[in-house]
Amino acid sequence: MRALAISAVIGAVALTGCTTDPTTGQRDYNKAAIGSVIGAAAGYGLSKGNANTSAQNNRAAAIGAILGGAGGYVLDQKEKKLKEQLAGSGVEVDRNADGSIGLVMPGNITFATNSYTISPTFYSTLDKVAQTLNDGSVAVVVSGYTDSSGNDSINIPLSKNRAAAVKQYLINKGVSSSRISSEGYGASNPIASNSTAAGKEQNRRVELNVYATS
């Protein structure tokens, strides 16, 4: 019965965060509301696992909803600002399935071929990213990728070094080193065909995933 009550509350939160586009008819779920749902479920689950009373379970769900909603709101604001700042820069800003913000920085604007030295023309773009991410409310994961040219012995170190270069640049611009990590994955996870020059250019990229944190 308690689980049913909590489910009803969570469902209500989700519905209040939903709007319908009058043109397309598609539903758009507010990310802060989704964060509240996830937080409520997590809070209730933890409390239930500890065999607490009904009042304690409900209180845990409420606290979880507040925390989850706060994280969703933070990311909503970051996403909006990043889209405004990076419009026309060549960097794609979108929301990932897990709720994090995804930034895709293609190779044609970030690094010269076979180099992990950041192109000077990209400094101003990274400066804007750092400005939005350096307030301590988010954690950042930087991932580097290459196209399929060469082999892993070349591509993986190159991708690691490119991701590390972006990470260090953001740290130098104020993003806390404790809130940012980097990794390189070589030619894995292509987002376009490696059979064309244009596709390879898209695959040579650095991605940033931005998560809300306390």
C-alpha atoms as a PDB file:
ATOM      1  CA  MET A   1       0.000   0.000   0.000  1.00  0.00           C
ATOM      2  CA  ARG A   2       2.798   2.428   0.880  1.00  0.00           C
ATOM      3  CA  ALA A   3       4.530   1.676  -2.434  1.00  0.00           C
ATOM      4  CA  LEU A   4       1.267   2.353  -4.261  1.00  0.00           C
ATOM      5  CA  ALA A   5       0.902   5.722  -2.537  1.00  0.00           C
ATOM      6  CA  ILE A   6       4.446   6.743  -3.413  1.00  0.00           C
ATOM      7  CA  SER A   7       3.930   5.632  -7.025  1.00  0.00           C
ATOM      8  CA  ALA A   8       0.868   7.837  -7.232  1.00  0.00           C
ATOM      9  CA  VAL A   9       2.818  10.839  -5.946  1.00  0.00           C
ATOM     10  CA  ILE A  10       5.660  10.192  -8.389  1.00  0.00           C
ATOM     11  CA  GLY A  11       3.185   9.852 -11.251  1.00  0.00           C
ATOM     12  CA  ALA A  12       1.604  13.173 -10.335  1.00  0.00           C
ATOM     13  CA  VAL A  13       4.994  14.889 -10.279  1.00  0.00           C
ATOM     14  CA  ALA A  14       5.785  13.517 -13.728  1.00  0.00           C
ATOM     15  CA  LEU A  15       2.479  14.681 -15.159  1.00  0.00           C
ATOM     16  CA  THR A  16       2.841  18.203 -13.786  1.00  0.00           C
ATOM     17  CA  GLY A  17       6.221  18.415 -15.513  1.00  0.00           C
ATOM     18  CA  CYS A  18       4.778  17.444 -18.900  1.00  0.00           C
ATOM     19  CA  THR A  19       3.719  19.831 -21.648  1.00  0.00           C
ATOM     20  CA  THR A  20       2.505  19.164 -25.185  1.00  0.00           C
ATOM     21  CA  ASP A  21       3.907  20.978 -28.210  1.00  0.00           C
ATOM     22  CA  PRO A  22       0.855  22.448 -30.022  1.00  0.00           C
ATOM     23  CA  THR A  23       2.577  22.074 -33.390  1.00  0.00           C
ATOM     24  CA  THR A  24       3.983  18.545 -33.211  1.00  0.00           C
ATOM     25  CA  GLY A  25       1.745  17.091 -30.538  1.00  0.00           C
ATOM     26  CA  GLN A  26       4.802  15.625 -28.835  1.00  0.00           C
ATOM     27  CA  ARG A  27       5.134  15.642 -25.070  1.00  0.00           C
ATOM     28  CA  ASP A  28       8.061  17.456 -23.495  1.00  0.00           C
ATOM     29  CA  TYR A  29       8.915  16.412 -19.954  1.00  0.00           C
ATOM     30  CA  ASN A  30      10.503  19.033 -17.726  1.00  0.00           C
ATOM     31  CA  LYS A  31      13.909  17.723 -16.647  1.00  0.00           C
ATOM     32  CA  ALA A  32      13.556  19.118 -13.132  1.00  0.00           C
ATOM     33  CA  ALA A  33      10.320  17.170 -12.713  1.00  0.00           C
ATOM     34  CA  ILE A  34      12.000  14.018 -13.991  1.00  0.00           C
ATOM     35  CA  GLY A  35      14.790  14.601 -11.482  1.00  0.00           C
ATOM     36  CA  SER A  36      12.168  14.837  -8.762  1.00  0.00           C
ATOM     37  CA  VAL A  37      10.666  11.511  -9.792  1.00  0.00           C
ATOM     38  CA  ILE A  38      14.017   9.757  -9.787  1.00  0.00           C
ATOM     39  CA  GLY A  39      14.987  11.339  -6.486  1.00  0.00           C
ATOM     40  CA  ALA A  40      11.697  10.371  -4.885  1.00  0.00           C
ATOM     41  CA  ALA A  41      12.015   6.787  -6.030  1.00  0.00           C
ATOM     42  CA  ALA A  42      15.608   6.589  -4.814  1.00  0.00           C
ATOM     43  CA  GLY A  43      14.783   8.175  -1.470  1.00  0.00           C
ATOM     44  CA  TYR A  44      11.885   5.844  -0.873  1.00  0.00           C
ATOM     45  CA  GLY A  45      13.873   2.802  -1.964  1.00  0.00           C
ATOM     46  CA  LEU A  46      16.699   3.530   0.448  1.00  0.00           C
ATOM     47  CA  SER A  47      14.307   4.117   3.317  1.00  0.00           C
ATOM     48  CA  LYS A  48      12.269   1.003   2.506  1.00  0.00           C
ATOM     49  CA  GLY A  49      15.431  -1.063   2.407  1.00  0.00           C
ATOM     50  CA  ASN A  50      16.108  -0.029   5.985  1.00  0.00           C
ATOM     51  CA  ALA A  51      12.617  -1.150   7.098  1.00  0.00           C
ATOM     52  CA  ASN A  52      11.561   2.243   8.415  1.00  0.00           C
ATOM     53  CA  THR A  53       8.057   3.402   9.296  1.00  0.00           C
ATOM     54  CA  SER A  54       5.554   4.747   6.804  1.00  0.00           C
ATOM     55  CA  ALA A  55       6.216   8.324   7.940  1.00  0.00           C
ATOM     56  CA  GLN A  56       9.956   7.825   7.538  1.00  0.00           C
ATOM     57  CA  ASN A  57       9.476   6.306   4.079  1.00  0.00           C
ATOM     58  CA  ASN A  58       7.355   9.226   2.933  1.00  0.00           C
ATOM     59  CA  ARG A  59       9.824  11.725   4.356  1.00  0.00           C
ATOM     60  CA  ALA A  60      12.708   9.992   2.557  1.00  0.00           C
ATOM     61  CA  ALA A  61      10.777  10.144  -0.703  1.00  0.00           C
ATOM     62  CA  ALA A  62      10.089  13.855  -0.208  1.00  0.00           C
ATOM     63  CA  ILE A  63      13.760  14.582   0.488  1.00  0.00           C
ATOM     64  CA  GLY A  64      14.770  12.552  -2.559  1.00  0.00           C
ATOM     65  CA  ALA A  65      12.334  14.500  -4.713  1.00  0.00           C
ATOM     66  CA  ILE A  66      13.770  17.804  -3.518  1.00  0.00           C
ATOM     67  CA  LEU A  67      17.345  16.696  -4.234  1.00  0.00           C
ATOM     68  CA  GLY A  68      16.478  15.208  -7.615  1.00  0.00           C
ATOM     69  CA  GLY A  69      14.459  18.253  -8.616  1.00  0.00           C
ATOM     70  CA  ALA A  70      17.288  20.578  -7.622  1.00  0.00           C
ATOM     71  CA  GLY A  71      19.702  18.626  -9.822  1.00  0.00           C
ATOM     72  CA  GLY A  72      17.275  18.722 -12.723  1.00  0.00           C
ATOM     73  CA  TYR A  73      16.822  22.467 -12.335  1.00  0.00           C
ATOM     74  CA  VAL A  74      20.594  23.038 -12.258  1.00  0.00           C
ATOM     75  CA  LEU A  75      21.046  21.094 -15.484  1.00  0.00           C
ATOM     76  CA  ASP A  76      18.108  22.867 -17.136  1.00  0.00           C
ATOM     77  CA  GLN A  77      19.780  26.208 -16.463  1.00  0.00           C
ATOM     78  CA  LYS A  78      23.219  24.988 -17.565  1.00  0.00           C
ATOM     79  CA  GLU A  79      21.808  23.527 -20.781  1.00  0.00           C
ATOM     80  CA  LYS A  80      20.017  26.772 -21.630  1.00  0.00           C
ATOM     81  CA  LYS A  81      23.101  28.889 -20.998  1.00  0.00           C
ATOM     82  CA  LEU A  82      25.441  26.578 -22.916  1.00  0.00           C
ATOM     83  CA  LYS A  83      23.141  26.566 -25.927  1.00  0.00           C
ATOM     84  CA  GLU A  84      23.085  30.357 -25.896  1.00  0.00           C
ATOM     85  CA  GLN A  85      26.840  30.696 -25.440  1.00  0.00           C
ATOM     86  CA  LEU A  86      27.833  28.080 -28.009  1.00  0.00           C
ATOM     87  CA  ALA A  87      25.355  28.911 -30.758  1.00  0.00           C
ATOM     88  CA  GLY A  88      27.238  28.987 -34.067  1.00  0.00           C
ATOM     89  CA  SER A  89      30.432  27.585 -32.535  1.00  0.00           C
ATOM     90  CA  GLY A  90      30.130  24.125 -34.072  1.00  0.00           C
ATOM     91  CA  VAL A  91      29.618  22.505 -30.661  1.00  0.00           C
ATOM     92  CA  GLU A  92      26.418  20.488 -30.283  1.00  0.00           C
ATOM     93  CA  VAL A  93      24.595  20.789 -26.956  1.00  0.00           C
ATOM     94  CA  ASP A  94      21.872  18.292 -26.126  1.00  0.00           C
ATOM     95  CA  ARG A  95      20.397  16.251 -23.299  1.00  0.00           C
ATOM     96  CA  ASN A  96      21.419  12.608 -22.905  1.00  0.00           C
ATOM     97  CA  ALA A  97      19.042   9.779 -22.058  1.00  0.00           C
ATOM     98  CA  ASP A  98      20.387   9.692 -18.486  1.00  0.00           C
ATOM     99  CA  GLY A  99      19.526  13.364 -17.983  1.00  0.00           C
ATOM    100  CA  SER A 100      23.090  14.674 -18.262  1.00  0.00           C
ATOM    101  CA  ILE A 101      24.037  17.437 -20.691  1.00  0.00           C
ATOM    102  CA  GLY A 102      26.063  16.279 -23.686  1.00  0.00           C
ATOM    103  CA  LEU A 103      28.470  18.522 -25.593  1.00  0.00           C
ATOM    104  CA  VAL A 104      29.988  17.194 -28.821  1.00  0.00           C
ATOM    105  CA  MET A 105      33.093  19.037 -30.044  1.00  0.00           C
ATOM    106  CA  PRO A 106      34.083  17.861 -33.551  1.00  0.00           C
ATOM    107  CA  GLY A 107      37.706  17.495 -34.632  1.00  0.00           C
ATOM    108  CA  ASN A 108      37.566  20.192 -37.277  1.00  0.00           C
ATOM    109  CA  ILE A 109      37.323  22.889 -34.576  1.00  0.00           C
ATOM    110  CA  THR A 110      39.294  21.344 -31.696  1.00  0.00           C
ATOM    111  CA  PHE A 111      42.603  19.822 -32.850  1.00  0.00           C
ATOM    112  CA  ALA A 112      44.804  19.592 -35.913  1.00  0.00           C
ATOM    113  CA  THR A 113      45.196  16.137 -37.463  1.00  0.00           C
ATOM    114  CA  ASN A 114      47.246  13.761 -35.270  1.00  0.00           C
ATOM    115  CA  SER A 115      47.725  16.496 -32.666  1.00  0.00           C
ATOM    116  CA  TYR A 116      46.467  16.896 -29.107  1.00  0.00           C
ATOM    117  CA  THR A 117      47.334  20.576 -28.891  1.00  0.00           C
ATOM    118  CA  ILE A 118      44.097  22.540 -28.706  1.00  0.00           C
ATOM    119  CA  SER A 119      43.595  24.848 -31.675  1.00  0.00           C
ATOM    120  CA  PRO A 120      43.933  28.480 -30.532  1.00  0.00           C
ATOM    121  CA  THR A 121      40.711  29.319 -32.389  1.00  0.00           C
ATOM    122  CA  PHE A 122      38.902  26.992 -29.976  1.00  0.00           C
ATOM    123  CA  TYR A 123      40.070  28.771 -26.824  1.00  0.00           C
ATOM    124  CA  SER A 124      37.197  31.244 -26.714  1.00  0.00           C
ATOM    125  CA  THR A 125      34.647  28.434 -26.998  1.00  0.00           C
ATOM    126  CA  LEU A 126      36.228  26.492 -24.137  1.00  0.00           C
ATOM    127  CA  ASP A 127      36.387  29.690 -22.106  1.00  0.00           C
ATOM    128  CA  LYS A 128      32.599  29.967 -22.361  1.00  0.00           C
ATOM    129  CA  VAL A 129      32.164  26.324 -21.369  1.00  0.00           C
ATOM    130  CA  ALA A 130      34.420  26.805 -18.334  1.00  0.00           C
ATOM    131  CA  GLN A 131      32.524  29.930 -17.309  1.00  0.00           C
ATOM    132  CA  THR A 132      29.296  27.932 -17.109  1.00  0.00           C
ATOM    133  CA  LEU A 133      30.763  24.849 -15.432  1.00  0.00           C
ATOM    134  CA  ASN A 134      33.076  26.337 -12.797  1.00  0.00           C
ATOM    135  CA  ASP A 135      30.571  27.042 -10.011  1.00  0.00           C
ATOM    136  CA  GLY A 136      30.857  23.639  -8.313  1.00  0.00           C
ATOM    137  CA  SER A 137      27.286  22.468  -8.945  1.00  0.00           C
ATOM    138  CA  VAL A 138      28.238  19.980 -11.657  1.00  0.00           C
ATOM    139  CA  ALA A 139      30.673  17.169 -12.438  1.00  0.00           C
ATOM    140  CA  VAL A 140      32.167  16.783 -15.920  1.00  0.00           C
ATOM    141  CA  VAL A 141      33.364  13.698 -17.805  1.00  0.00           C
ATOM    142  CA  VAL A 142      35.521  14.400 -20.874  1.00  0.00           C
ATOM    143  CA  SER A 143      35.747  11.626 -23.497  1.00  0.00           C
ATOM    144  CA  GLY A 144      38.061  11.599 -26.511  1.00  0.00           C
ATOM    145  CA  TYR A 145      37.497   9.706 -29.775  1.00  0.00           C
ATOM    146  CA  THR A 146      39.254   9.276 -33.119  1.00  0.00           C
ATOM    147  CA  ASP A 147      38.210   8.039 -36.544  1.00  0.00           C
ATOM    148  CA  SER A 148      39.106   4.549 -37.751  1.00  0.00           C
ATOM    149  CA  SER A 149      42.374   5.535 -39.451  1.00  0.00           C
ATOM    150  CA  GLY A 150      45.397   3.864 -37.872  1.00  0.00           C
ATOM    151  CA  ASN A 151      45.151   1.339 -35.046  1.00  0.00           C
ATOM    152  CA  ASP A 152      44.531   1.265 -31.307  1.00  0.00           C
ATOM    153  CA  SER A 153      48.195   1.741 -30.463  1.00  0.00           C
ATOM    154  CA  ILE A 154      47.934   5.199 -32.055  1.00  0.00           C
ATOM    155  CA  ASN A 155      44.274   6.096 -31.643  1.00  0.00           C
ATOM    156  CA  ILE A 156      43.763   5.305 -27.968  1.00  0.00           C
ATOM    157  CA  PRO A 157      46.717   7.376 -26.687  1.00  0.00           C
ATOM    158  CA  LEU A 158      45.737  10.213 -29.052  1.00  0.00           C
ATOM    159  CA  SER A 159      42.151  10.198 -27.816  1.00  0.00           C
ATOM    160  CA  LYS A 160      43.293  10.068 -24.175  1.00  0.00           C
ATOM    161  CA  ASN A 161      45.653  12.993 -24.710  1.00  0.00           C
ATOM    162  CA  ARG A 162      42.994  15.081 -26.432  1.00  0.00           C
ATOM    163  CA  ALA A 163      40.509  14.476 -23.634  1.00  0.00           C
ATOM    164  CA  ALA A 164      43.200  15.263 -21.055  1.00  0.00           C
ATOM    165  CA  ALA A 165      44.092  18.487 -22.883  1.00  0.00           C
ATOM    166  CA  VAL A 166      40.478  19.699 -22.751  1.00  0.00           C
ATOM    167  CA  LYS A 167      40.214  18.647 -19.104  1.00  0.00           C
ATOM    168  CA  GLN A 168      43.372  20.558 -18.166  1.00  0.00           C
ATOM    169  CA  TYR A 169      42.269  23.638 -20.087  1.00  0.00           C
ATOM    170  CA  LEU A 170      38.968  23.715 -18.189  1.00  0.00           C
ATOM    171  CA  ILE A 171      40.791  23.222 -14.882  1.00  0.00           C
ATOM    172  CA  ASN A 172      43.077  26.134 -15.733  1.00  0.00           C
ATOM    173  CA  LYS A 173      39.967  28.217 -16.327  1.00  0.00           C
ATOM    174  CA  GLY A 174      38.426  27.475 -12.947  1.00  0.00           C
ATOM    175  CA  VAL A 175      36.693  24.091 -13.125  1.00  0.00           C
ATOM    176  CA  SER A 176      37.659  22.137  -9.989  1.00  0.00           C
ATOM    177  CA  SER A 177      39.988  19.210 -10.693  1.00  0.00           C
ATOM    178  CA  SER A 178      37.954  17.122  -8.239  1.00  0.00           C
ATOM    179  CA  ARG A 179      34.870  17.516 -10.428  1.00  0.00           C
ATOM    180  CA  ILE A 180      36.281  16.621 -13.820  1.00  0.00           C
ATOM    181  CA  SER A 181      37.718  13.415 -15.270  1.00  0.00           C
ATOM    182  CA  SER A 182      38.833  12.330 -18.730  1.00  0.00           C
ATOM    183  CA  GLU A 183      39.262   9.165 -20.776  1.00  0.00           C
ATOM    184  CA  GLY A 184      40.035   8.221 -24.375  1.00  0.00           C
ATOM    185  CA  TYR A 185      38.337   5.503 -26.388  1.00  0.00           C
ATOM    186  CA  GLY A 186      40.109   5.573 -29.734  1.00  0.00           C
ATOM    187  CA  ALA A 187      37.916   4.728 -32.726  1.00  0.00           C
ATOM    188  CA  SER A 188      35.137   3.100 -30.675  1.00  0.00           C
ATOM    189  CA  ASN A 189      31.588   4.485 -30.584  1.00  0.00           C
ATOM    190  CA  PRO A 190      31.576   6.257 -33.979  1.00  0.00           C
ATOM    191  CA  ILE A 191      28.721   8.700 -34.532  1.00  0.00           C
ATOM    192  CA  ALA A 192      29.092   8.736 -38.331  1.00  0.00           C
ATOM    193  CA  SER A 193      30.419   6.540 -41.120  1.00  0.00           C
ATOM    194  CA  ASN A 194      34.191   6.210 -41.322  1.00  0.00           C
ATOM    195  CA  SER A 195      33.911   5.584 -45.059  1.00  0.00           C
ATOM    196  CA  THR A 196      33.776   9.303 -45.872  1.00  0.00           C
ATOM    197  CA  ALA A 197      35.993  12.257 -44.970  1.00  0.00           C
ATOM    198  CA  ALA A 198      33.002  14.102 -43.497  1.00  0.00           C
ATOM    199  CA  GLY A 199      32.109  11.117 -41.333  1.00  0.00           C
ATOM    200  CA  LYS A 200      35.662  10.732 -40.074  1.00  0.00           C
ATOM    201  CA  GLU A 201      35.689  14.416 -39.167  1.00  0.00           C
ATOM    202  CA  GLN A 202      32.612  13.917 -36.991  1.00  0.00           C
ATOM    203  CA  ASN A 203      34.124  10.865 -35.308  1.00  0.00           C
ATOM    204  CA  ARG A 204      37.310  12.752 -34.391  1.00  0.00           C
ATOM    205  CA  ARG A 205      35.703  14.475 -31.458  1.00  0.00           C
ATOM    206  CA  VAL A 206      35.743  15.291 -27.775  1.00  0.00           C
ATOM    207  CA  GLU A 207      32.541  14.883 -25.787  1.00  0.00           C
ATOM    208  CA  LEU A 208      31.645  16.422 -22.446  1.00  0.00           C
ATOM    209  CA  ASN A 209      28.947  14.911 -20.253  1.00  0.00           C
ATOM    210  CA  VAL A 210      27.779  17.224 -17.487  1.00  0.00           C
ATOM    211  CA  TYR A 211      26.068  15.893 -14.344  1.00  0.00           C
ATOM    212  CA  ALA A 212      24.495  17.691 -11.408  1.00  0.00           C
ATOM    213  CA  THR A 213      26.258  17.085  -8.102  1.00  0.00           C
ATOM    214  CA  SER A 214      26.132  18.344  -4.538  1.00  0.00           C
END
